[in-house]
Amino acid sequence: MAQSYYFIEIQNEYLGKHRRVTGRTRREVEIKAAEQLQRWSEQEARAREREAIANAKEQAALDTEAALEVIDQWRNVLKATLAVDDRLDWAALVDDRPYTAPAPSKEQIEARLNVPRPRPLIETLMKSARRKREEAEAEAERLYQKALAKWEEGRQAHERRRSEQYREVQEFRSAYEAGEPSAVEKYVSLVLAASVLPPGFPQDANVMYDASGKVLLVERRMPSPEDVPRTIAYRFVATRRVMEEKQMKEREAAALYEDAVIQATLRTIHEVFEGDYAGHCATVVVNGTVRAVDRATGRDFEACIVSCQASREEFESIDLSRVDPRACFRNLKGLSGSKLAGLQPVRPILSMNREDPRFIEADGVLEGLEADQNLMTMEWQEFEVLIRDLFEEMFKSRGADVRVTRSSRDQGVDAVVFDPDPLTGGKIVIQAKRYRNAVPVAAVRELYGTMINEGAGRGILVTTSHFGGSAREFAKDKPLTLIDGSNLLHYLQNHGHRVRIDMTEATGDDPVVELPA
């Protein structure tokens, strides 16, 4: 009689092992299988540990490579721009993507409605079947035409937006090439905004153009010494299971910072001259400013630490690919402290004057606002100053400067914000409209034109009433913010002012006539 035996299949997927364990009894098989699985488990743990260490070391090598790449970008701030065409790509300013919404399908609508297919024989015998099919087909056709009309409306709106955008870009291009100061400022701002800087470099730059002398002034935000990338290597210590960083010495970091700031200054001059293909800028002045913390007092401060001026003729005779940046900077009579990393302020060669003859000192209307005040009964001058005060409260945490223009009742700029924020900053124009009815699209178009003429990056329209659909459609995809009466009340209440808007109490002194939406 043959001897019976037992077996079990076991495996370890990680190790890629498989085995059949056999024995004379079930118990014997279970014990042998458990012992083998335990040995495999120990082997797997050791293998996983080796793999983890290898992965960590590989990651350390990758992180080191990435860290050195960032440092290399800081060391070659100037060189990186020499192969780039800094002229503005006008075509890129227009979104020329086609209308991508799929056209409606009549067949899909018929399938959704379960429109029956024609069956001549049955329909001859049963006229109700034919009538039912024709009614279903008529309903499908109605829905199809409705969907088609909506699709066509969307396509035409898309084409209108694209045409409007193209027209605006062409007008902007013509204004720049004609040398209109605000257009030149906007053009150069876009050129500098397109510049790809190393990680840690601020992107913002303020621009001012003097057409009479063909002088362009750039206030460029520079990184602080704390922004310098200092890690030069990563090392995984297997015995302690930790990743260690190796930092460059303080002296090396200070040298890297000084080189990068000097190169960024020269790079800015280069990008302006090369980008300004119409030749409006005969001279460029760059002031490099820094925001940092005073280590002695712990307080925030802002200072100009580098200033450099160059004429087009002088600068274009320089071969930037072969110069020593510091020697080039000195040859241009650039100004800086003896140690840039010490953030020693220097007197700018040319200062940006933000004063505008339209600007006036505003009274504190917001502070004297009474509880339950109806905005519609205020003097219109007070309403404009109120809006200025509100935005000053909203922007003050960002260090913005808010100015009120002289009251002229001319539908012009009521306030201007100079916002230093590196992402959303720049010049912002504000108009305050104390309307009773819906704000017409003409007012929004007027704001957009004013924004372009002022060389501003954003326009804000504030009203006591509301905006119609055409006004909001025009503002869509443009740097315009529309604040209606309900949102205005919300902002005021957020700053501790409980006021109201009651159209029935509107004064006859309201300077804005009621216009149709």
Protein backbone atom coordinates (compact mmCIF):
# COMPACT_ATOMS: atom_id res chain seq x y z
CA MET A 1 0.00 0.00 0.00
CA ALA A 2 1.47 3.36 -1.10
CA GLN A 3 2.50 5.84 1.56
CA SER A 4 0.37 9.03 1.43
CA TYR A 5 1.98 12.46 1.83
CA TYR A 6 0.91 16.06 2.23
CA PHE A 7 2.20 19.24 0.52
CA ILE A 8 1.66 23.02 0.44
CA GLU A 9 2.77 25.70 -2.03
CA ILE A 10 4.50 28.75 -0.48
CA GLN A 11 6.10 31.84 -2.05
CA ASN A 12 7.70 35.23 -1.34
CA GLU A 13 6.83 37.72 -4.05
CA TYR A 14 9.47 40.26 -3.07
CA LEU A 15 12.31 37.70 -3.27
CA GLY A 16 10.71 35.97 -6.23
CA LYS A 17 10.89 32.56 -4.58
CA HIS A 18 8.48 29.64 -4.71
CA ARG A 19 8.58 26.16 -3.13
CA ARG A 20 6.47 23.08 -2.59
CA VAL A 21 6.82 21.78 0.98
CA THR A 22 6.01 18.10 1.47
CA GLY A 23 5.70 15.82 4.52
CA ARG A 24 4.15 12.63 5.83
CA THR A 25 1.71 14.52 8.04
CA ARG A 26 -0.17 17.77 7.78
CA ARG A 27 1.53 19.00 10.95
CA GLU A 28 4.98 18.30 9.54
CA VAL A 29 4.15 20.26 6.39
CA GLU A 30 2.85 23.25 8.37
CA ILE A 31 5.99 23.38 10.57
CA LYS A 32 8.38 23.11 7.62
CA ALA A 33 6.42 25.77 5.67
CA ALA A 34 6.42 28.16 8.66
CA GLU A 35 10.18 27.76 9.11
CA GLN A 36 10.82 28.43 5.43
CA LEU A 37 8.54 31.48 5.37
CA GLN A 38 10.35 32.87 8.43
CA ARG A 39 13.75 32.49 6.72
CA TRP A 40 12.40 34.21 3.62
CA SER A 41 10.96 36.99 5.76
CA GLU A 42 14.36 37.65 7.35
CA GLN A 43 16.00 37.64 3.91
CA GLU A 44 13.36 40.06 2.65
CA ALA A 45 13.92 42.44 5.58
CA ARG A 46 17.68 42.51 4.89
CA ALA A 47 17.09 43.01 1.17
CA ARG A 48 14.61 45.80 1.78
CA GLU A 49 17.06 47.50 4.15
CA ARG A 50 19.82 47.35 1.51
CA GLU A 51 17.38 48.66 -1.07
CA ALA A 52 16.26 51.52 1.20
CA ILE A 53 19.87 52.55 1.83
CA ALA A 54 20.63 52.36 -1.90
CA ASN A 55 17.54 54.42 -2.68
CA ALA A 56 18.43 56.99 -0.03
CA LYS A 57 21.97 57.29 -1.40
CA GLU A 58 20.59 57.62 -4.92
CA GLN A 59 18.17 60.29 -3.72
CA ALA A 60 21.03 62.10 -1.99
CA ALA A 61 22.93 62.12 -5.28
CA LEU A 62 19.88 63.44 -7.14
CA ASP A 63 19.25 66.12 -4.51
CA THR A 64 22.91 67.14 -4.68
CA GLU A 65 22.68 67.44 -8.45
CA ALA A 66 19.55 69.60 -8.15
CA ALA A 67 21.14 71.83 -5.48
CA LEU A 68 24.25 72.38 -7.59
CA GLU A 69 22.03 73.19 -10.60
CA VAL A 70 20.35 76.00 -8.63
CA ILE A 71 23.74 77.36 -7.52
CA ASP A 72 24.93 77.20 -11.13
CA GLN A 73 21.89 79.26 -12.19
CA TRP A 74 22.79 81.91 -9.62
CA ARG A 75 26.38 81.96 -10.87
CA ASN A 76 25.23 82.44 -14.47
CA VAL A 77 22.40 84.96 -14.14
CA LEU A 78 23.85 87.11 -16.94
CA LYS A 79 25.00 84.32 -19.24
CA ALA A 80 21.56 82.65 -19.19
CA THR A 81 19.90 85.57 -20.97
CA LEU A 82 22.40 86.07 -23.80
CA ALA A 83 20.92 83.34 -25.99
CA VAL A 84 17.35 84.60 -25.41
CA ASP A 85 15.53 86.96 -27.75
CA ASP A 86 14.14 89.50 -25.29
CA ARG A 87 11.82 91.21 -27.74
CA LEU A 88 8.17 90.83 -26.82
CA ASP A 89 6.36 88.13 -28.78
CA TRP A 90 3.27 90.02 -29.88
CA ALA A 91 1.56 86.89 -31.20
CA ALA A 92 1.88 85.24 -27.77
CA LEU A 93 -0.28 88.01 -26.27
CA VAL A 94 -3.27 86.79 -28.27
CA ASP A 95 -4.97 83.54 -27.33
CA ASP A 96 -5.42 82.08 -30.80
CA ARG A 97 -6.71 78.71 -29.66
CA PRO A 98 -9.74 77.61 -31.70
CA TYR A 99 -13.17 77.12 -30.21
CA THR A 100 -13.00 73.57 -28.88
CA ALA A 101 -16.53 72.93 -27.64
CA PRO A 102 -17.92 69.98 -29.68
CA ALA A 103 -20.78 70.80 -32.00
CA PRO A 104 -24.09 69.16 -31.05
CA SER A 105 -24.97 65.88 -32.74
CA LYS A 106 -28.47 65.32 -34.00
CA GLU A 107 -27.91 61.57 -33.92
CA GLN A 108 -26.96 61.66 -30.24
CA ILE A 109 -30.07 63.67 -29.40
CA GLU A 110 -32.27 61.21 -31.29
CA ALA A 111 -30.62 58.30 -29.48
CA ARG A 112 -31.18 60.02 -26.11
CA LEU A 113 -34.86 60.51 -26.93
CA ASN A 114 -35.18 56.95 -28.28
CA VAL A 115 -36.60 58.21 -31.56
CA PRO A 116 -37.93 55.09 -33.35
CA ARG A 117 -36.69 54.22 -36.81
CA PRO A 118 -39.10 54.40 -39.75
CA ARG A 119 -40.96 51.10 -40.27
CA PRO A 120 -43.06 51.61 -43.43
CA LEU A 121 -45.11 48.42 -43.16
CA ILE A 122 -46.10 48.94 -39.53
CA GLU A 123 -46.67 52.66 -40.02
CA THR A 124 -48.97 51.90 -42.97
CA LEU A 125 -51.07 49.65 -40.79
CA MET A 126 -50.75 51.78 -37.63
CA LYS A 127 -50.91 55.50 -38.30
CA SER A 128 -50.35 56.16 -34.58
CA ALA A 129 -46.87 54.64 -34.86
CA ARG A 130 -46.01 57.00 -37.68
CA ARG A 131 -47.41 59.97 -35.76
CA LYS A 132 -45.41 58.98 -32.68
CA ARG A 133 -42.20 58.75 -34.71
CA GLU A 134 -42.78 62.10 -36.41
CA GLU A 135 -43.47 63.79 -33.07
CA ALA A 136 -40.27 62.33 -31.62
CA GLU A 137 -38.30 63.44 -34.68
CA ALA A 138 -39.76 66.95 -34.41
CA GLU A 139 -38.79 67.16 -30.73
CA ALA A 140 -35.27 65.93 -31.53
CA GLU A 141 -34.97 68.54 -34.29
CA ARG A 142 -36.12 71.29 -31.90
CA LEU A 143 -33.60 70.30 -29.27
CA TYR A 144 -30.89 70.00 -31.90
CA GLN A 145 -31.55 73.48 -33.28
CA LYS A 146 -31.58 74.90 -29.76
CA ALA A 147 -28.26 73.21 -28.91
CA LEU A 148 -26.80 74.29 -32.25
CA ALA A 149 -27.83 77.90 -31.65
CA LYS A 150 -26.24 77.84 -28.18
CA TRP A 151 -23.07 76.31 -29.59
CA GLU A 152 -22.92 78.91 -32.35
CA GLU A 153 -23.46 81.67 -29.79
CA GLY A 154 -20.50 80.36 -27.80
CA ARG A 155 -18.34 80.14 -30.92
CA GLN A 156 -19.16 83.67 -31.97
CA ALA A 157 -18.47 84.97 -28.46
CA HIS A 158 -15.12 83.20 -28.57
CA GLU A 159 -14.32 84.81 -31.91
CA ARG A 160 -15.38 88.22 -30.65
CA ARG A 161 -13.13 87.89 -27.59
CA ARG A 162 -10.24 86.83 -29.76
CA SER A 163 -10.85 89.69 -32.21
CA GLU A 164 -11.11 92.16 -29.33
CA GLN A 165 -7.91 90.81 -27.83
CA TYR A 166 -6.15 91.04 -31.20
CA ARG A 167 -7.36 94.63 -31.63
CA GLU A 168 -6.13 95.57 -28.16
CA VAL A 169 -2.72 94.03 -28.81
CA GLN A 170 -2.45 95.83 -32.14
CA GLU A 171 -3.37 99.12 -30.48
CA PHE A 172 -0.81 98.47 -27.76
CA ARG A 173 1.84 97.60 -30.35
CA SER A 174 1.11 100.76 -32.35
CA ALA A 175 1.27 102.87 -29.18
CA TYR A 176 4.61 101.32 -28.18
CA GLU A 177 6.15 101.73 -31.62
CA ALA A 178 4.92 105.35 -31.67
CA GLY A 179 6.73 105.92 -28.36
CA GLU A 180 3.77 106.71 -26.14
CA PRO A 181 5.30 106.77 -22.61
CA SER A 182 2.68 104.59 -20.91
CA ALA A 183 2.94 102.02 -23.71
CA VAL A 184 6.74 102.01 -23.50
CA GLU A 185 6.51 101.43 -19.74
CA LYS A 186 4.03 98.62 -20.19
CA TYR A 187 6.07 97.04 -22.97
CA VAL A 188 9.30 97.04 -20.95
CA SER A 189 7.42 95.73 -17.91
CA LEU A 190 6.22 92.76 -19.98
CA VAL A 191 9.73 92.16 -21.32
CA LEU A 192 11.13 92.01 -17.79
CA ALA A 193 8.21 89.91 -16.54
CA ALA A 194 9.01 87.31 -19.22
CA SER A 195 12.58 86.97 -17.97
CA VAL A 196 13.19 83.54 -16.41
CA LEU A 197 15.24 84.13 -13.27
CA PRO A 198 16.84 81.58 -10.92
CA PRO A 199 14.85 80.20 -7.98
CA GLY A 200 14.78 82.69 -5.13
CA PHE A 201 14.91 85.76 -7.39
CA PRO A 202 11.94 88.13 -7.13
CA GLN A 203 10.24 88.78 -10.45
CA ASP A 204 8.78 92.24 -9.86
CA ALA A 205 10.14 95.43 -11.39
CA ASN A 206 8.67 98.93 -11.56
CA VAL A 207 9.31 100.95 -14.70
CA MET A 208 9.17 104.69 -15.43
CA TYR A 209 9.91 106.31 -18.79
CA ASP A 210 10.87 109.92 -19.52
CA ALA A 211 10.13 110.48 -23.20
CA SER A 212 11.81 113.89 -23.33
CA GLY A 213 15.20 112.45 -22.44
CA LYS A 214 14.49 108.89 -23.67
CA VAL A 215 15.50 107.65 -20.22
CA LEU A 216 14.00 104.50 -18.74
CA LEU A 217 14.27 103.83 -15.02
CA VAL A 218 13.84 100.33 -13.60
CA GLU A 219 13.41 99.60 -9.92
CA ARG A 220 14.21 95.89 -9.77
CA ARG A 221 13.64 93.85 -6.66
CA MET A 222 16.74 91.85 -5.77
CA PRO A 223 16.93 88.78 -3.54
CA SER A 224 18.12 89.14 0.04
CA PRO A 225 21.24 87.33 1.27
CA GLU A 226 18.95 84.80 3.00
CA ASP A 227 17.68 83.75 -0.44
CA VAL A 228 21.10 82.50 -1.56
CA PRO A 229 21.10 78.71 -2.12
CA ARG A 230 23.69 77.38 0.33
CA THR A 231 23.38 73.59 0.16
CA ILE A 232 26.17 72.10 -1.95
CA ALA A 233 25.72 68.40 -1.14
CA TYR A 234 23.43 65.82 0.46
CA ARG A 235 24.75 62.66 2.16
CA PHE A 236 22.78 59.77 3.60
CA VAL A 237 24.32 58.40 6.80
CA ALA A 238 23.28 54.74 6.91
CA THR A 239 24.34 54.13 10.52
CA ARG A 240 22.02 56.89 11.77
CA ARG A 241 19.44 56.69 9.01
CA VAL A 242 19.54 60.47 8.43
CA MET A 243 20.09 62.74 5.43
CA GLU A 244 22.73 65.39 6.07
CA GLU A 245 23.24 68.64 4.17
CA LYS A 246 26.61 70.21 3.49
CA GLN A 247 26.45 74.01 3.39
CA MET A 248 28.80 76.43 1.64
CA LYS A 249 30.82 78.71 3.86
CA GLU A 250 29.45 82.15 4.75
CA ARG A 251 32.22 83.80 2.77
CA GLU A 252 31.30 81.78 -0.33
CA ALA A 253 27.60 82.59 0.07
CA ALA A 254 28.38 86.32 0.32
CA ALA A 255 30.49 86.15 -2.86
CA LEU A 256 27.73 84.27 -4.69
CA TYR A 257 25.20 86.88 -3.60
CA GLU A 258 27.33 89.79 -4.78
CA ASP A 259 28.00 88.16 -8.16
CA ALA A 260 24.31 87.39 -8.67
CA VAL A 261 23.13 90.93 -7.84
CA ILE A 262 25.73 92.54 -10.11
CA GLN A 263 24.86 90.15 -12.94
CA ALA A 264 21.12 90.73 -12.46
CA THR A 265 21.71 94.48 -12.77
CA LEU A 266 23.61 94.08 -16.05
CA ARG A 267 21.06 91.54 -17.25
CA THR A 268 18.21 93.99 -16.70
CA ILE A 269 19.97 96.68 -18.77
CA HIS A 270 20.63 94.13 -21.51
CA GLU A 271 17.03 92.90 -21.59
CA VAL A 272 15.66 96.44 -21.82
CA PHE A 273 17.92 97.47 -24.69
CA GLU A 274 17.47 94.22 -26.59
CA GLY A 275 13.73 94.07 -25.98
CA ASP A 276 13.21 97.72 -26.98
CA TYR A 277 13.48 97.09 -30.72
CA ALA A 278 11.87 100.48 -31.50
CA GLY A 279 14.82 102.21 -29.85
CA HIS A 280 12.85 104.48 -27.52
CA CYS A 281 15.26 103.95 -24.60
CA ALA A 282 18.53 105.79 -25.14
CA THR A 283 19.55 105.45 -21.50
CA VAL A 284 18.63 102.87 -18.89
CA VAL A 285 19.04 103.24 -15.13
CA VAL A 286 18.58 100.22 -12.87
CA ASN A 287 18.12 100.54 -9.12
CA GLY A 288 18.33 97.22 -7.28
CA THR A 289 16.31 97.26 -4.08
CA VAL A 290 16.12 94.71 -1.28
CA ARG A 291 13.62 93.98 1.45
CA ALA A 292 15.15 92.33 4.45
CA VAL A 293 15.20 92.22 8.23
CA ASP A 294 17.62 94.39 10.17
CA ARG A 295 19.50 91.89 12.28
CA ALA A 296 20.25 94.53 14.89
CA THR A 297 16.64 95.65 15.41
CA GLY A 298 14.60 92.81 13.95
CA ARG A 299 12.59 95.30 11.91
CA ASP A 300 11.79 95.14 8.20
CA PHE A 301 13.53 97.63 5.96
CA GLU A 302 13.92 98.36 2.27
CA ALA A 303 17.02 99.82 0.66
CA CYS A 304 18.59 100.47 -2.71
CA ILE A 305 21.86 98.53 -2.66
CA VAL A 306 22.95 98.87 -6.28
CA SER A 307 22.44 101.49 -9.00
CA CYS A 308 23.79 101.52 -12.55
CA GLN A 309 23.30 103.64 -15.65
CA ALA A 310 24.20 102.91 -19.27
CA SER A 311 23.56 104.48 -22.65
CA ARG A 312 22.47 102.26 -25.53
CA GLU A 313 25.56 103.07 -27.61
CA GLU A 314 27.90 102.40 -24.71
CA PHE A 315 26.22 99.18 -23.60
CA GLU A 316 25.79 97.63 -27.04
CA SER A 317 29.54 97.95 -27.61
CA ILE A 318 30.15 95.53 -24.71
CA ASP A 319 30.54 91.80 -25.35
CA LEU A 320 28.68 90.44 -22.34
CA SER A 321 29.68 86.86 -23.12
CA ARG A 322 33.34 87.69 -22.37
CA VAL A 323 33.25 90.33 -19.63
CA ASP A 324 33.91 89.97 -15.95
CA PRO A 325 30.58 91.18 -14.51
CA ARG A 326 32.13 93.09 -11.61
CA ALA A 327 34.67 94.82 -13.85
CA CYS A 328 31.90 95.69 -16.34
CA PHE A 329 29.77 97.10 -13.53
CA ARG A 330 32.66 99.26 -12.30
CA ASN A 331 33.41 100.44 -15.85
CA LEU A 332 29.79 101.65 -16.10
CA LYS A 333 30.33 103.61 -12.88
CA GLY A 334 27.83 101.43 -11.05
CA LEU A 335 27.22 102.19 -7.39
CA SER A 336 27.17 99.63 -4.58
CA GLY A 337 28.40 99.18 -1.04
CA SER A 338 31.76 97.59 -0.36
CA LYS A 339 29.97 94.39 0.65
CA LEU A 340 26.64 93.82 -1.03
CA ALA A 341 25.73 91.07 1.40
CA GLY A 342 25.87 93.70 4.16
CA LEU A 343 22.97 95.49 2.40
CA GLN A 344 24.63 98.89 2.69
CA PRO A 345 22.29 101.46 1.07
CA VAL A 346 23.51 103.62 -1.81
CA ARG A 347 22.07 106.80 -3.28
CA PRO A 348 20.29 105.91 -6.54
CA ILE A 349 21.62 107.53 -9.71
CA LEU A 350 18.02 108.38 -10.58
CA SER A 351 15.00 108.02 -8.30
CA MET A 352 11.50 107.01 -9.31
CA ASN A 353 9.09 109.85 -8.62
CA ARG A 354 5.65 108.46 -7.97
CA GLU A 355 4.22 111.90 -7.40
CA ASP A 356 1.52 112.89 -9.85
CA PRO A 357 0.14 116.44 -10.08
CA ARG A 358 -3.32 114.90 -9.87
CA PHE A 359 -2.63 113.43 -6.44
CA ILE A 360 -3.93 115.13 -3.31
CA GLU A 361 -3.81 114.42 0.39
CA ALA A 362 -7.02 112.61 1.29
CA ASP A 363 -9.10 113.28 4.37
CA GLY A 364 -9.85 110.31 6.59
CA VAL A 365 -13.45 109.73 5.54
CA LEU A 366 -13.38 106.09 6.60
CA GLU A 367 -12.50 106.99 10.18
CA GLY A 368 -15.41 109.45 10.45
CA LEU A 369 -17.95 107.10 8.86
CA GLU A 370 -21.09 106.95 10.97
CA ALA A 371 -22.92 103.74 11.77
CA ASP A 372 -25.80 102.99 9.40
CA GLN A 373 -24.50 105.68 7.00
CA ASN A 374 -26.20 105.53 3.59
CA LEU A 375 -23.49 105.75 0.94
CA MET A 376 -26.00 107.24 -1.49
CA THR A 377 -26.39 110.39 0.63
CA MET A 378 -22.67 111.18 0.88
CA GLU A 379 -21.08 114.01 -1.07
CA TRP A 380 -19.60 112.52 -4.22
CA GLN A 381 -16.11 113.78 -3.30
CA GLU A 382 -16.40 112.06 0.07
CA PHE A 383 -17.48 108.83 -1.62
CA GLU A 384 -14.33 108.82 -3.80
CA VAL A 385 -12.10 109.44 -0.79
CA LEU A 386 -13.98 106.73 1.13
CA ILE A 387 -13.05 104.23 -1.56
CA ARG A 388 -9.42 105.37 -1.33
CA ASP A 389 -9.45 104.92 2.46
CA LEU A 390 -10.97 101.47 2.10
CA PHE A 391 -8.31 100.30 -0.31
CA GLU A 392 -5.59 101.79 1.84
CA GLU A 393 -6.88 99.61 4.69
CA MET A 394 -7.00 96.58 2.39
CA PHE A 395 -3.49 97.07 0.98
CA LYS A 396 -1.60 98.48 3.95
CA SER A 397 -0.40 95.06 5.15
CA ARG A 398 1.44 94.72 1.82
CA GLY A 399 3.16 98.08 2.07
CA ALA A 400 1.17 99.56 -0.81
CA ASP A 401 0.87 103.30 -1.43
CA VAL A 402 -2.69 104.49 -2.17
CA ARG A 403 -3.23 107.99 -3.56
CA VAL A 404 -6.40 109.98 -4.33
CA THR A 405 -6.56 112.10 -7.48
CA ARG A 406 -8.13 115.53 -7.61
CA SER A 407 -11.90 115.42 -7.76
CA SER A 408 -12.97 116.48 -11.22
CA ARG A 409 -16.19 114.56 -11.88
CA ASP A 410 -14.65 113.66 -15.23
CA GLN A 411 -15.01 109.88 -15.07
CA GLY A 412 -11.21 109.59 -14.70
CA VAL A 413 -8.99 107.87 -12.16
CA ASP A 414 -10.21 108.34 -8.58
CA ALA A 415 -7.32 106.56 -6.84
CA VAL A 416 -4.04 104.90 -7.72
CA VAL A 417 -2.40 102.01 -5.83
CA PHE A 418 1.33 101.36 -6.05
CA ASP A 419 1.47 97.76 -4.82
CA PRO A 420 4.98 96.34 -4.21
CA ASP A 421 3.75 92.73 -4.02
CA PRO A 422 6.05 90.61 -6.28
CA LEU A 423 3.19 88.54 -7.68
CA THR A 424 0.20 90.86 -7.91
CA GLY A 425 1.90 94.20 -7.53
CA GLY A 426 2.44 97.20 -9.75
CA LYS A 427 0.24 100.13 -10.55
CA ILE A 428 -3.50 99.71 -10.02
CA VAL A 429 -6.06 102.33 -11.04
CA ILE A 430 -9.38 102.60 -9.20
CA GLN A 431 -12.60 104.23 -10.30
CA ALA A 432 -15.52 104.83 -7.93
CA LYS A 433 -18.99 105.01 -9.54
CA ARG A 434 -21.94 105.93 -7.35
CA TYR A 435 -24.58 104.55 -9.72
CA ARG A 436 -28.24 103.90 -9.02
CA ASN A 437 -28.81 101.51 -11.93
CA ALA A 438 -26.72 98.75 -13.47
CA VAL A 439 -23.23 99.85 -14.52
CA PRO A 440 -23.13 99.95 -18.33
CA VAL A 441 -20.46 98.14 -20.32
CA ALA A 442 -19.24 101.56 -21.54
CA ALA A 443 -17.99 102.35 -18.02
CA VAL A 444 -16.02 99.10 -17.90
CA ARG A 445 -14.56 99.77 -21.35
CA GLU A 446 -13.60 103.25 -20.17
CA LEU A 447 -11.82 101.79 -17.12
CA TYR A 448 -9.89 99.36 -19.33
CA GLY A 449 -8.81 102.20 -21.64
CA THR A 450 -7.75 104.28 -18.66
CA MET A 451 -5.77 101.36 -17.28
CA ILE A 452 -3.89 101.01 -20.59
CA ASN A 453 -3.24 104.77 -20.84
CA GLU A 454 -1.97 104.88 -17.26
CA GLY A 455 0.37 101.94 -17.84
CA ALA A 456 -1.32 100.11 -14.97
CA GLY A 457 -1.38 96.36 -14.53
CA ARG A 458 -4.91 96.18 -13.10
CA GLY A 459 -8.08 98.23 -12.95
CA ILE A 460 -10.73 98.16 -10.22
CA LEU A 461 -14.25 99.55 -10.67
CA VAL A 462 -16.29 100.06 -7.48
CA THR A 463 -19.99 100.92 -7.57
CA THR A 464 -22.93 101.23 -5.25
CA SER A 465 -25.18 99.39 -7.73
CA HIS A 466 -24.49 96.26 -9.80
CA PHE A 467 -22.99 95.16 -13.11
CA GLY A 468 -24.93 93.91 -16.09
CA GLY A 469 -24.09 90.77 -18.01
CA SER A 470 -22.41 92.64 -20.86
CA ALA A 471 -20.18 94.52 -18.41
CA ARG A 472 -19.06 91.30 -16.71
CA GLU A 473 -18.56 89.57 -20.07
CA PHE A 474 -16.28 92.40 -21.23
CA ALA A 475 -14.23 92.20 -18.01
CA LYS A 476 -13.81 88.44 -18.35
CA ASP A 477 -10.21 87.38 -19.08
CA LYS A 478 -8.98 90.98 -18.56
CA PRO A 479 -7.06 92.37 -15.58
CA LEU A 480 -10.22 94.06 -14.30
CA THR A 481 -11.95 93.63 -10.94
CA LEU A 482 -15.61 94.63 -10.61
CA ILE A 483 -16.89 95.32 -7.10
CA ASP A 484 -20.65 95.82 -6.85
CA GLY A 485 -22.65 97.36 -4.00
CA SER A 486 -23.09 94.14 -2.00
CA ASN A 487 -19.37 93.37 -2.13
CA LEU A 488 -18.52 96.96 -1.25
CA LEU A 489 -20.69 96.67 1.88
CA HIS A 490 -18.99 93.35 2.67
CA TYR A 491 -15.51 94.89 2.47
CA LEU A 492 -16.54 97.86 4.61
CA GLN A 493 -18.11 95.58 7.22
CA ASN A 494 -14.94 93.47 7.30
CA HIS A 495 -13.11 96.63 8.36
CA GLY A 496 -15.62 97.42 11.09
CA HIS A 497 -17.95 99.79 9.26
CA ARG A 498 -21.63 98.87 9.18
CA VAL A 499 -23.13 101.05 6.45
CA ARG A 500 -25.91 100.64 3.92
CA ILE A 501 -26.92 101.51 0.38
CA ASP A 502 -30.47 102.83 0.01
CA MET A 503 -31.28 104.09 -3.48
CA THR A 504 -34.51 105.76 -2.32
CA GLU A 505 -32.48 108.26 -0.27
CA ALA A 506 -30.05 109.12 -3.07
CA THR A 507 -29.23 112.83 -3.19
CA GLY A 508 -29.87 114.98 -6.20
CA ASP A 509 -26.19 115.90 -6.11
CA ASP A 510 -25.25 112.47 -7.44
CA PRO A 511 -22.93 113.34 -10.37
CA VAL A 512 -23.62 110.15 -12.28
CA VAL A 513 -26.67 110.01 -14.50
CA GLU A 514 -28.71 106.86 -14.67
CA LEU A 515 -27.64 104.94 -17.75
CA PRO A 516 -29.17 101.82 -19.24
CA ALA A 517 -27.24 98.59 -18.69
